[in-house]
Amino acid sequence: MRWLRKYKPFVRASAIDMMAYRFNILTWALVTVAEVACLVFLWLAVYQSSEGGINASINGFTYKEMISYVVLTTIFGFVTFNDDTMWYINRDIRQGTIGNFLIKPISYRGKFIASNIGAFLMMSIVFGIPLYAAGLGTLIGIGFLPVPSVWDFIAHFGLFLIASVLACLLNGAISYLFGILCFYTTAAWGLNSLKTTVISFLSGTLLPIAFFPNVFREIVSYMPFAGMSQNPVLILMMKYSYLECAKVLLISFVWLILLELLGKLLFNHAIKLVTVQGG
């Protein structure tokens, strides 16, 4: 409770800040819809040109499952990945205001965690609920996403919510690590491009990890990136058994702890570097 009282203002401020840019968010949403439409036609062409035609199964995905995956990963990314931690750290370094936070009785990392949670909650409530309702309702209604039973869907949806929170925290932890690298370089744009590319590719956002070569796929499945997009969506699509759900959630949780510890070590070293340089 004490932690909540201390960081509650950051949660509230972040949520309000997200709504201050609602026009940008709506524009982003329209662009995202256009991207989904392009991907739907792309995968339609891929399956039609395959040996089994539109009814073929490619790497464990039927055409209907692939379209469901594309729609849900797009919604998931739109709602979950709204983290500007790296840019805020870069701004604090460039403006020399980072020292102001170090003398305050709050954790610099804790401030960003609270801000990420605030943005995630606001996006989930304002956009996530209607988008998931429309997306799932449409996919289930047209038979693209079969539901074995109502209770099974409810259980998987509950696990999906847990996976979503972990994905948000993982994304924040990785953004924080890239932000710390701004202590050592001024190439913030390059770092952000690298971060975005790595996450999009290895998280299964651009392409399901099942399409990767066998050895590479096995390695990536145990990395934190799979838990940032593919795993939550496959849980929601009920392609994972309960045992598999528990496994991927555990992997995400362990990685979250490791990334936070790594971030703490790097930040402590970076702060010493700033002190030595007279920052």
C-alpha atoms as a PDB file:
ATOM      1  CA  MET A   1       0.000   0.000   0.000  1.00  0.00           C
ATOM      2  CA  ARG A   2       2.855   2.376   0.763  1.00  0.00           C
ATOM      3  CA  TRP A   3       4.353   1.728  -2.677  1.00  0.00           C
ATOM      4  CA  LEU A   4       0.975   2.450  -4.282  1.00  0.00           C
ATOM      5  CA  ARG A   5       0.591   5.761  -2.472  1.00  0.00           C
ATOM      6  CA  LYS A   6       4.101   6.840  -3.453  1.00  0.00           C
ATOM      7  CA  TYR A   7       3.780   6.039  -7.161  1.00  0.00           C
ATOM      8  CA  LYS A   8       0.048   6.613  -7.662  1.00  0.00           C
ATOM      9  CA  PRO A   9       0.647  10.145  -9.092  1.00  0.00           C
ATOM     10  CA  PHE A  10       2.817   8.657 -11.856  1.00  0.00           C
ATOM     11  CA  VAL A  11       0.118   6.117 -12.727  1.00  0.00           C
ATOM     12  CA  ARG A  12      -2.515   8.852 -12.905  1.00  0.00           C
ATOM     13  CA  ALA A  13      -0.295  11.279 -14.856  1.00  0.00           C
ATOM     14  CA  SER A  14       0.608   8.630 -17.422  1.00  0.00           C
ATOM     15  CA  ALA A  15      -3.038   7.683 -17.938  1.00  0.00           C
ATOM     16  CA  ILE A  16      -4.027  11.334 -18.420  1.00  0.00           C
ATOM     17  CA  ASP A  17      -1.096  11.892 -20.765  1.00  0.00           C
ATOM     18  CA  MET A  18      -2.243   9.038 -23.002  1.00  0.00           C
ATOM     19  CA  MET A  19      -5.647  10.678 -23.433  1.00  0.00           C
ATOM     20  CA  ALA A  20      -4.046  14.046 -24.186  1.00  0.00           C
ATOM     21  CA  TYR A  21      -2.802  12.522 -27.437  1.00  0.00           C
ATOM     22  CA  ARG A  22      -6.016  10.727 -28.361  1.00  0.00           C
ATOM     23  CA  PHE A  23      -6.018  12.170 -31.912  1.00  0.00           C
ATOM     24  CA  ASN A  24      -2.574  10.672 -32.516  1.00  0.00           C
ATOM     25  CA  ILE A  25      -3.781   7.382 -31.061  1.00  0.00           C
ATOM     26  CA  LEU A  26      -6.849   7.344 -33.320  1.00  0.00           C
ATOM     27  CA  THR A  27      -4.663   8.095 -36.346  1.00  0.00           C
ATOM     28  CA  TRP A  28      -2.354   5.275 -35.304  1.00  0.00           C
ATOM     29  CA  ALA A  29      -5.406   3.011 -35.010  1.00  0.00           C
ATOM     30  CA  LEU A  30      -6.507   3.801 -38.579  1.00  0.00           C
ATOM     31  CA  VAL A  31      -3.021   3.070 -39.888  1.00  0.00           C
ATOM     32  CA  THR A  32      -3.045  -0.202 -37.943  1.00  0.00           C
ATOM     33  CA  VAL A  33      -6.367  -1.205 -39.522  1.00  0.00           C
ATOM     34  CA  ALA A  34      -4.851  -0.608 -42.963  1.00  0.00           C
ATOM     35  CA  GLU A  35      -1.858  -2.778 -42.023  1.00  0.00           C
ATOM     36  CA  VAL A  36      -4.171  -5.593 -40.912  1.00  0.00           C
ATOM     37  CA  ALA A  37      -6.054  -5.431 -44.218  1.00  0.00           C
ATOM     38  CA  CYS A  38      -2.779  -5.707 -46.146  1.00  0.00           C
ATOM     39  CA  LEU A  39      -1.647  -8.673 -44.043  1.00  0.00           C
ATOM     40  CA  VAL A  40      -4.984 -10.454 -44.534  1.00  0.00           C
ATOM     41  CA  PHE A  41      -4.637 -10.252 -48.324  1.00  0.00           C
ATOM     42  CA  LEU A  42      -0.960 -11.209 -48.102  1.00  0.00           C
ATOM     43  CA  TRP A  43      -1.695 -14.384 -46.155  1.00  0.00           C
ATOM     44  CA  LEU A  44      -4.639 -15.138 -48.431  1.00  0.00           C
ATOM     45  CA  ALA A  45      -2.229 -15.117 -51.380  1.00  0.00           C
ATOM     46  CA  VAL A  46       0.257 -17.300 -49.471  1.00  0.00           C
ATOM     47  CA  TYR A  47      -2.325 -19.961 -48.613  1.00  0.00           C
ATOM     48  CA  GLN A  48      -3.951 -19.920 -52.053  1.00  0.00           C
ATOM     49  CA  SER A  49      -0.564 -20.563 -53.652  1.00  0.00           C
ATOM     50  CA  SER A  50       0.296 -23.390 -51.219  1.00  0.00           C
ATOM     51  CA  GLU A  51      -0.087 -27.058 -52.097  1.00  0.00           C
ATOM     52  CA  GLY A  52      -3.295 -27.552 -50.125  1.00  0.00           C
ATOM     53  CA  GLY A  53      -4.843 -24.262 -51.123  1.00  0.00           C
ATOM     54  CA  ILE A  54      -6.915 -22.202 -48.713  1.00  0.00           C
ATOM     55  CA  ASN A  55      -7.568 -25.286 -46.550  1.00  0.00           C
ATOM     56  CA  ALA A  56      -3.866 -26.013 -46.053  1.00  0.00           C
ATOM     57  CA  SER A  57      -2.117 -25.963 -42.695  1.00  0.00           C
ATOM     58  CA  ILE A  58       1.266 -24.223 -42.758  1.00  0.00           C
ATOM     59  CA  ASN A  59       3.527 -24.761 -39.744  1.00  0.00           C
ATOM     60  CA  GLY A  60       0.539 -25.597 -37.571  1.00  0.00           C
ATOM     61  CA  PHE A  61      -1.610 -22.650 -38.698  1.00  0.00           C
ATOM     62  CA  THR A  62      -4.675 -22.884 -40.916  1.00  0.00           C
ATOM     63  CA  TYR A  63      -5.716 -19.813 -42.895  1.00  0.00           C
ATOM     64  CA  LYS A  64      -8.445 -19.011 -40.375  1.00  0.00           C
ATOM     65  CA  GLU A  65      -6.018 -19.351 -37.469  1.00  0.00           C
ATOM     66  CA  MET A  66      -3.457 -17.159 -39.228  1.00  0.00           C
ATOM     67  CA  ILE A  67      -5.996 -14.382 -39.822  1.00  0.00           C
ATOM     68  CA  SER A  68      -7.092 -14.653 -36.188  1.00  0.00           C
ATOM     69  CA  TYR A  69      -3.441 -14.439 -35.145  1.00  0.00           C
ATOM     70  CA  VAL A  70      -2.805 -11.358 -37.306  1.00  0.00           C
ATOM     71  CA  VAL A  71      -5.873  -9.540 -35.982  1.00  0.00           C
ATOM     72  CA  LEU A  72      -5.225 -10.359 -32.326  1.00  0.00           C
ATOM     73  CA  THR A  73      -1.480  -9.615 -32.392  1.00  0.00           C
ATOM     74  CA  THR A  74      -2.247  -6.250 -33.978  1.00  0.00           C
ATOM     75  CA  ILE A  75      -4.789  -5.382 -31.286  1.00  0.00           C
ATOM     76  CA  PHE A  76      -2.433  -6.681 -28.611  1.00  0.00           C
ATOM     77  CA  GLY A  77       0.473  -4.561 -29.833  1.00  0.00           C
ATOM     78  CA  PHE A  78      -1.716  -1.469 -30.146  1.00  0.00           C
ATOM     79  CA  VAL A  79      -2.979  -1.794 -26.571  1.00  0.00           C
ATOM     80  CA  THR A  80       0.163  -3.091 -24.848  1.00  0.00           C
ATOM     81  CA  PHE A  81       3.211  -1.471 -26.464  1.00  0.00           C
ATOM     82  CA  ASN A  82       2.870   2.169 -25.408  1.00  0.00           C
ATOM     83  CA  ASP A  83       6.162   2.623 -23.638  1.00  0.00           C
ATOM     84  CA  ASP A  84       8.319   5.754 -23.947  1.00  0.00           C
ATOM     85  CA  THR A  85      10.767   4.876 -21.175  1.00  0.00           C
ATOM     86  CA  MET A  86      13.813   5.037 -23.433  1.00  0.00           C
ATOM     87  CA  TRP A  87      12.905   8.504 -24.723  1.00  0.00           C
ATOM     88  CA  TYR A  88      12.283   9.856 -21.218  1.00  0.00           C
ATOM     89  CA  ILE A  89      15.647   8.564 -19.999  1.00  0.00           C
ATOM     90  CA  ASN A  90      17.375  10.045 -23.038  1.00  0.00           C
ATOM     91  CA  ARG A  91      15.663  13.392 -22.354  1.00  0.00           C
ATOM     92  CA  ASP A  92      16.689  13.351 -18.691  1.00  0.00           C
ATOM     93  CA  ILE A  93      20.299  12.667 -19.683  1.00  0.00           C
ATOM     94  CA  ARG A  94      20.439  15.332 -22.392  1.00  0.00           C
ATOM     95  CA  GLN A  95      18.765  17.990 -20.230  1.00  0.00           C
ATOM     96  CA  GLY A  96      20.758  17.050 -17.144  1.00  0.00           C
ATOM     97  CA  THR A  97      17.610  16.594 -15.057  1.00  0.00           C
ATOM     98  CA  ILE A  98      18.286  12.993 -14.115  1.00  0.00           C
ATOM     99  CA  GLY A  99      20.024  14.152 -10.934  1.00  0.00           C
ATOM    100  CA  ASN A 100      16.740  15.644  -9.719  1.00  0.00           C
ATOM    101  CA  PHE A 101      15.195  12.191  -9.589  1.00  0.00           C
ATOM    102  CA  LEU A 102      18.170  10.632  -7.811  1.00  0.00           C
ATOM    103  CA  ILE A 103      17.760  12.893  -4.763  1.00  0.00           C
ATOM    104  CA  LYS A 104      14.025  12.251  -4.477  1.00  0.00           C
ATOM    105  CA  PRO A 105      12.675   9.496  -2.164  1.00  0.00           C
ATOM    106  CA  ILE A 106      11.440   7.470  -5.129  1.00  0.00           C
ATOM    107  CA  SER A 107      12.979   4.836  -7.354  1.00  0.00           C
ATOM    108  CA  TYR A 108      13.887   6.032 -10.844  1.00  0.00           C
ATOM    109  CA  ARG A 109      12.881   2.642 -12.210  1.00  0.00           C
ATOM    110  CA  GLY A 110       9.754   2.560 -10.050  1.00  0.00           C
ATOM    111  CA  LYS A 111       8.618   5.821 -11.625  1.00  0.00           C
ATOM    112  CA  PHE A 112       8.706   4.256 -15.077  1.00  0.00           C
ATOM    113  CA  ILE A 113       6.985   1.065 -13.932  1.00  0.00           C
ATOM    114  CA  ALA A 114       4.132   3.139 -12.495  1.00  0.00           C
ATOM    115  CA  SER A 115       3.912   5.205 -15.691  1.00  0.00           C
ATOM    116  CA  ASN A 116       3.834   2.062 -17.841  1.00  0.00           C
ATOM    117  CA  ILE A 117       1.052   0.573 -15.736  1.00  0.00           C
ATOM    118  CA  GLY A 118      -0.967   3.790 -16.001  1.00  0.00           C
ATOM    119  CA  ALA A 119      -0.654   3.900 -19.792  1.00  0.00           C
ATOM    120  CA  PHE A 120      -1.447   0.184 -20.075  1.00  0.00           C
ATOM    121  CA  LEU A 121      -4.565   0.470 -17.906  1.00  0.00           C
ATOM    122  CA  MET A 122      -5.870   3.484 -19.815  1.00  0.00           C
ATOM    123  CA  MET A 123      -5.272   1.889 -23.223  1.00  0.00           C
ATOM    124  CA  SER A 124      -6.841  -1.373 -22.038  1.00  0.00           C
ATOM    125  CA  ILE A 125      -9.983   0.325 -20.733  1.00  0.00           C
ATOM    126  CA  VAL A 126     -10.516   2.895 -23.483  1.00  0.00           C
ATOM    127  CA  PHE A 127      -9.350   0.895 -26.506  1.00  0.00           C
ATOM    128  CA  GLY A 128      -8.641  -2.670 -25.389  1.00  0.00           C
ATOM    129  CA  ILE A 129     -12.145  -3.595 -24.242  1.00  0.00           C
ATOM    130  CA  PRO A 130     -13.967  -2.451 -27.413  1.00  0.00           C
ATOM    131  CA  LEU A 131     -11.235  -3.705 -29.765  1.00  0.00           C
ATOM    132  CA  TYR A 132     -11.001  -7.160 -28.198  1.00  0.00           C
ATOM    133  CA  ALA A 133     -14.794  -7.395 -27.997  1.00  0.00           C
ATOM    134  CA  ALA A 134     -15.135  -6.501 -31.683  1.00  0.00           C
ATOM    135  CA  GLY A 135     -12.199  -8.643 -32.787  1.00  0.00           C
ATOM    136  CA  LEU A 136     -13.069 -11.748 -30.795  1.00  0.00           C
ATOM    137  CA  GLY A 137     -16.783 -11.375 -31.505  1.00  0.00           C
ATOM    138  CA  THR A 138     -16.171 -11.187 -35.242  1.00  0.00           C
ATOM    139  CA  LEU A 139     -13.617 -14.013 -35.373  1.00  0.00           C
ATOM    140  CA  ILE A 140     -15.787 -16.326 -33.284  1.00  0.00           C
ATOM    141  CA  GLY A 141     -18.946 -15.311 -35.141  1.00  0.00           C
ATOM    142  CA  ILE A 142     -17.564 -16.122 -38.606  1.00  0.00           C
ATOM    143  CA  GLY A 143     -16.025 -19.375 -37.393  1.00  0.00           C
ATOM    144  CA  PHE A 144     -12.374 -18.333 -37.624  1.00  0.00           C
ATOM    145  CA  LEU A 145     -11.779 -18.833 -33.902  1.00  0.00           C
ATOM    146  CA  PRO A 146     -13.570 -21.924 -32.545  1.00  0.00           C
ATOM    147  CA  VAL A 147     -14.442 -22.036 -28.841  1.00  0.00           C
ATOM    148  CA  PRO A 148     -14.525 -25.572 -27.337  1.00  0.00           C
ATOM    149  CA  SER A 149     -16.518 -24.414 -24.306  1.00  0.00           C
ATOM    150  CA  VAL A 150     -17.429 -21.180 -22.547  1.00  0.00           C
ATOM    151  CA  TRP A 151     -15.536 -22.158 -19.394  1.00  0.00           C
ATOM    152  CA  ASP A 152     -12.446 -23.073 -21.374  1.00  0.00           C
ATOM    153  CA  PHE A 153     -12.548 -19.672 -23.072  1.00  0.00           C
ATOM    154  CA  ILE A 154     -12.989 -17.860 -19.746  1.00  0.00           C
ATOM    155  CA  ALA A 155     -10.034 -19.749 -18.230  1.00  0.00           C
ATOM    156  CA  HIS A 156      -7.772 -18.981 -21.182  1.00  0.00           C
ATOM    157  CA  PHE A 157      -8.901 -15.361 -21.189  1.00  0.00           C
ATOM    158  CA  GLY A 158      -7.904 -15.088 -17.529  1.00  0.00           C
ATOM    159  CA  LEU A 159      -4.468 -16.521 -18.339  1.00  0.00           C
ATOM    160  CA  PHE A 160      -4.275 -14.118 -21.272  1.00  0.00           C
ATOM    161  CA  LEU A 161      -4.791 -11.163 -18.919  1.00  0.00           C
ATOM    162  CA  ILE A 162      -1.881 -12.364 -16.772  1.00  0.00           C
ATOM    163  CA  ALA A 163       0.263 -12.815 -19.886  1.00  0.00           C
ATOM    164  CA  SER A 164      -0.688  -9.293 -21.033  1.00  0.00           C
ATOM    165  CA  VAL A 165       0.505  -7.733 -17.780  1.00  0.00           C
ATOM    166  CA  LEU A 166       3.769  -9.676 -17.995  1.00  0.00           C
ATOM    167  CA  ALA A 167       4.197  -8.588 -21.625  1.00  0.00           C
ATOM    168  CA  CYS A 168       3.705  -4.942 -20.635  1.00  0.00           C
ATOM    169  CA  LEU A 169       6.273  -5.252 -17.849  1.00  0.00           C
ATOM    170  CA  LEU A 170       8.739  -7.097 -20.100  1.00  0.00           C
ATOM    171  CA  ASN A 171       8.434  -4.404 -22.740  1.00  0.00           C
ATOM    172  CA  GLY A 172       9.038  -1.767 -20.081  1.00  0.00           C
ATOM    173  CA  ALA A 173      12.084  -3.611 -18.730  1.00  0.00           C
ATOM    174  CA  ILE A 174      13.645  -3.917 -22.188  1.00  0.00           C
ATOM    175  CA  SER A 175      12.903  -0.256 -22.957  1.00  0.00           C
ATOM    176  CA  TYR A 176      14.570   0.649 -19.663  1.00  0.00           C
ATOM    177  CA  LEU A 177      17.692  -1.314 -20.622  1.00  0.00           C
ATOM    178  CA  PHE A 178      17.875   0.462 -23.976  1.00  0.00           C
ATOM    179  CA  GLY A 179      17.318   3.747 -22.170  1.00  0.00           C
ATOM    180  CA  ILE A 180      20.322   3.082 -19.946  1.00  0.00           C
ATOM    181  CA  LEU A 181      22.421   2.595 -23.079  1.00  0.00           C
ATOM    182  CA  CYS A 182      21.724   6.279 -23.808  1.00  0.00           C
ATOM    183  CA  PHE A 183      24.224   7.027 -21.022  1.00  0.00           C
ATOM    184  CA  TYR A 184      26.931   5.625 -23.294  1.00  0.00           C
ATOM    185  CA  THR A 185      25.768   6.902 -26.685  1.00  0.00           C
ATOM    186  CA  THR A 186      23.742   9.739 -28.167  1.00  0.00           C
ATOM    187  CA  ALA A 187      22.268   7.513 -30.891  1.00  0.00           C
ATOM    188  CA  ALA A 188      18.815   7.280 -29.313  1.00  0.00           C
ATOM    189  CA  TRP A 189      17.035   7.013 -32.657  1.00  0.00           C
ATOM    190  CA  GLY A 190      19.270   4.144 -33.691  1.00  0.00           C
ATOM    191  CA  LEU A 191      18.730   2.354 -30.390  1.00  0.00           C
ATOM    192  CA  ASN A 192      14.968   2.757 -30.683  1.00  0.00           C
ATOM    193  CA  SER A 193      14.991   1.407 -34.244  1.00  0.00           C
ATOM    194  CA  LEU A 194      17.067  -1.574 -33.101  1.00  0.00           C
ATOM    195  CA  LYS A 195      14.730  -2.229 -30.166  1.00  0.00           C
ATOM    196  CA  THR A 196      11.612  -2.016 -32.319  1.00  0.00           C
ATOM    197  CA  THR A 197      13.048  -4.319 -34.986  1.00  0.00           C
ATOM    198  CA  VAL A 198      14.270  -6.947 -32.521  1.00  0.00           C
ATOM    199  CA  ILE A 199      11.002  -7.012 -30.583  1.00  0.00           C
ATOM    200  CA  SER A 200       8.816  -7.093 -33.714  1.00  0.00           C
ATOM    201  CA  PHE A 201      10.787  -9.975 -35.223  1.00  0.00           C
ATOM    202  CA  LEU A 202      11.525 -12.142 -32.186  1.00  0.00           C
ATOM    203  CA  SER A 203       8.177 -11.628 -30.433  1.00  0.00           C
ATOM    204  CA  GLY A 204       6.231 -13.128 -33.323  1.00  0.00           C
ATOM    205  CA  THR A 205       4.542  -9.857 -34.242  1.00  0.00           C
ATOM    206  CA  LEU A 206       5.745  -9.850 -37.848  1.00  0.00           C
ATOM    207  CA  LEU A 207       5.675 -13.623 -38.273  1.00  0.00           C
ATOM    208  CA  PRO A 208       4.715 -16.481 -35.928  1.00  0.00           C
ATOM    209  CA  ILE A 209       7.763 -18.069 -34.342  1.00  0.00           C
ATOM    210  CA  ALA A 210       6.529 -21.419 -35.692  1.00  0.00           C
ATOM    211  CA  PHE A 211       7.762 -20.271 -39.121  1.00  0.00           C
ATOM    212  CA  PHE A 212      11.369 -19.952 -37.916  1.00  0.00           C
ATOM    213  CA  PRO A 213      13.941 -22.731 -38.538  1.00  0.00           C
ATOM    214  CA  ASN A 214      13.705 -25.505 -35.935  1.00  0.00           C
ATOM    215  CA  VAL A 215      16.826 -24.713 -33.888  1.00  0.00           C
ATOM    216  CA  PHE A 216      16.266 -20.956 -33.989  1.00  0.00           C
ATOM    217  CA  ARG A 217      12.591 -21.434 -33.088  1.00  0.00           C
ATOM    218  CA  GLU A 218      13.514 -23.491 -30.044  1.00  0.00           C
ATOM    219  CA  ILE A 219      15.986 -20.844 -28.859  1.00  0.00           C
ATOM    220  CA  VAL A 220      13.571 -17.941 -29.380  1.00  0.00           C
ATOM    221  CA  SER A 221      10.776 -19.753 -27.524  1.00  0.00           C
ATOM    222  CA  TYR A 222      12.862 -19.546 -24.331  1.00  0.00           C
ATOM    223  CA  MET A 223      13.746 -15.881 -24.792  1.00  0.00           C
ATOM    224  CA  PRO A 224      11.678 -13.052 -23.254  1.00  0.00           C
ATOM    225  CA  PHE A 225      10.421 -11.783 -26.614  1.00  0.00           C
ATOM    226  CA  ALA A 226       7.979 -14.648 -27.241  1.00  0.00           C
ATOM    227  CA  GLY A 227       6.133 -13.648 -24.080  1.00  0.00           C
ATOM    228  CA  MET A 228       5.664 -10.118 -25.414  1.00  0.00           C
ATOM    229  CA  SER A 229       3.273 -10.972 -28.242  1.00  0.00           C
ATOM    230  CA  GLN A 230       3.007 -14.514 -29.570  1.00  0.00           C
ATOM    231  CA  ASN A 231       2.475 -16.396 -26.315  1.00  0.00           C
ATOM    232  CA  PRO A 232      -0.320 -14.150 -24.962  1.00  0.00           C
ATOM    233  CA  VAL A 233      -2.146 -14.308 -28.300  1.00  0.00           C
ATOM    234  CA  LEU A 234      -1.807 -18.087 -28.635  1.00  0.00           C
ATOM    235  CA  ILE A 235      -3.141 -18.407 -25.089  1.00  0.00           C
ATOM    236  CA  LEU A 236      -6.148 -16.307 -26.103  1.00  0.00           C
ATOM    237  CA  MET A 237      -6.613 -18.431 -29.234  1.00  0.00           C
ATOM    238  CA  MET A 238      -6.573 -21.513 -26.977  1.00  0.00           C
ATOM    239  CA  LYS A 239      -3.762 -23.128 -28.984  1.00  0.00           C
ATOM    240  CA  TYR A 240      -1.884 -23.784 -25.740  1.00  0.00           C
ATOM    241  CA  SER A 241      -2.874 -26.395 -23.186  1.00  0.00           C
ATOM    242  CA  TYR A 242      -3.034 -25.323 -19.543  1.00  0.00           C
ATOM    243  CA  LEU A 243       0.370 -26.912 -18.934  1.00  0.00           C
ATOM    244  CA  GLU A 244       1.871 -24.995 -21.859  1.00  0.00           C
ATOM    245  CA  CYS A 245       0.242 -21.806 -20.569  1.00  0.00           C
ATOM    246  CA  ALA A 246       1.866 -22.309 -17.175  1.00  0.00           C
ATOM    247  CA  LYS A 247       5.233 -22.950 -18.846  1.00  0.00           C
ATOM    248  CA  VAL A 248       5.259 -19.789 -20.985  1.00  0.00           C
ATOM    249  CA  LEU A 249       4.003 -17.646 -18.087  1.00  0.00           C
ATOM    250  CA  LEU A 250       6.784 -18.982 -15.874  1.00  0.00           C
ATOM    251  CA  ILE A 251       9.392 -18.234 -18.560  1.00  0.00           C
ATOM    252  CA  SER A 252       8.109 -14.654 -18.849  1.00  0.00           C
ATOM    253  CA  PHE A 253       8.142 -14.179 -15.076  1.00  0.00           C
ATOM    254  CA  VAL A 254      11.714 -15.471 -14.730  1.00  0.00           C
ATOM    255  CA  TRP A 255      12.892 -13.234 -17.570  1.00  0.00           C
ATOM    256  CA  LEU A 256      11.176 -10.244 -15.992  1.00  0.00           C
ATOM    257  CA  ILE A 257      13.149 -10.750 -12.778  1.00  0.00           C
ATOM    258  CA  LEU A 258      16.428 -11.249 -14.677  1.00  0.00           C
ATOM    259  CA  LEU A 259      15.896  -8.156 -16.837  1.00  0.00           C
ATOM    260  CA  GLU A 260      15.054  -6.012 -13.809  1.00  0.00           C
ATOM    261  CA  LEU A 261      18.212  -7.196 -12.032  1.00  0.00           C
ATOM    262  CA  LEU A 262      20.292  -6.506 -15.138  1.00  0.00           C
ATOM    263  CA  GLY A 263      18.725  -3.065 -15.434  1.00  0.00           C
ATOM    264  CA  LYS A 264      19.596  -2.279 -11.821  1.00  0.00           C
ATOM    265  CA  LEU A 265      23.233  -3.316 -12.317  1.00  0.00           C
ATOM    266  CA  LEU A 266      23.627  -1.323 -15.533  1.00  0.00           C
ATOM    267  CA  PHE A 267      21.955   1.750 -14.043  1.00  0.00           C
ATOM    268  CA  ASN A 268      24.256   1.714 -11.014  1.00  0.00           C
ATOM    269  CA  HIS A 269      27.275   1.566 -13.334  1.00  0.00           C
ATOM    270  CA  ALA A 270      25.910   4.285 -15.633  1.00  0.00           C
ATOM    271  CA  ILE A 271      25.257   6.655 -12.716  1.00  0.00           C
ATOM    272  CA  LYS A 272      28.876   6.272 -11.589  1.00  0.00           C
ATOM    273  CA  LEU A 273      29.976   7.136 -15.112  1.00  0.00           C
ATOM    274  CA  VAL A 274      27.897  10.324 -15.058  1.00  0.00           C
ATOM    275  CA  THR A 275      29.342  11.264 -11.662  1.00  0.00           C
ATOM    276  CA  VAL A 276      32.913  10.760 -12.892  1.00  0.00           C
ATOM    277  CA  GLN A 277      32.203  12.968 -15.899  1.00  0.00           C
ATOM    278  CA  GLY A 278      30.754  15.650 -13.669  1.00  0.00           C
ATOM    279  CA  GLY A 279      27.116  15.143 -14.842  1.00  0.00           C
END
